Amino acid sequence: MGAMLSFQTVYTMWLREMLRFKRAKSRIVGSLATPLFFLIILGTAMGSSYNIENYKEFMAPGIIAMVLLFSSIFGGVSVMWDREFGFLKEILIAPVNRFCIALGKAFGGVTTAMIQGVLLMIITNVFGVHYKSLLGMLLSIPIMFIIGIGFISLGIALATKIESHEGFQMVMSFLTMPLVLLSGAFFPLSKLPDWLRIAVHLNPLTYGVEALRFTLIGESEIPIVVCLVVLTSFAITTTAIGGWLFGRMEV
């Protein structure tokens, strides 16, 4: 009975996030327009600078990881809105496990992020970015899930400790740009100076970019096993912390 109630809680919160995403069609368009702009403009401009053949293919996995990051970590905004309109208070007093509530919100957020990531992967493939194989594209989907669940759990954890929308947006902006710029999404890791390479290897998104690069184009400067271990450890850690902080949150 307890397991069934936990499943229903997770499913209900997941379904709510999916319905919100379905009604916000402009969110889908906006989330895809910016990365496509990055890929077309920066891909053309920076390709000659790095002297990399097929630079757009090299850059595409990083752009997909960037979409996953933005969509996932800003999933914490839903916690802010639920608190603002009183919905959070209603669900927190319900006789259900709070961790399951947080998990349902995380699964809902990561599903929307994966939808955007898969759409971007298909669109870029249609418009001339050649990936290694269909199997590689399919294998990239579970990697998208691991990336997404790690960062949306981080977003939920931060949202439980920040009370204002302005403060949350400021913290997210402070986090997201360094995470993207220090992930190797736009440049090869081998061309970095030693001091910057250390910062890049401490960034969990780096391992997501390299894992997607391995599945989509068959190249990676970090072994895929290392990438999967780091990503999985990051996702488990942030999910545990996010669920624990959500369970202790007061509204």
Foldseek 3Di string as FASTA:
>chain_A
DQVVLLVVLLQVLLVVLQVVVVVPPVVLVVLQPVLVCCLVVVVVVCCVVQVDPLSSLLQLLLSLLLSLLVQQLCLLVVVQVCVVVVVLVVVLPDPHQLLSNLNSSLNNSLVSSLVSSLVNVVVVCVVPNAWDDPQLSVVLSVLSSLSRLLNNLVNLLVSLVDNDPVVSVVVSVVPSVVLSVLQCSNHDLVPDDPVSNVVSVVRLSNLSSQLSSCSTHNDHPDDVVVSVVSSNVSSVVSSVSSSVSSNVGDD
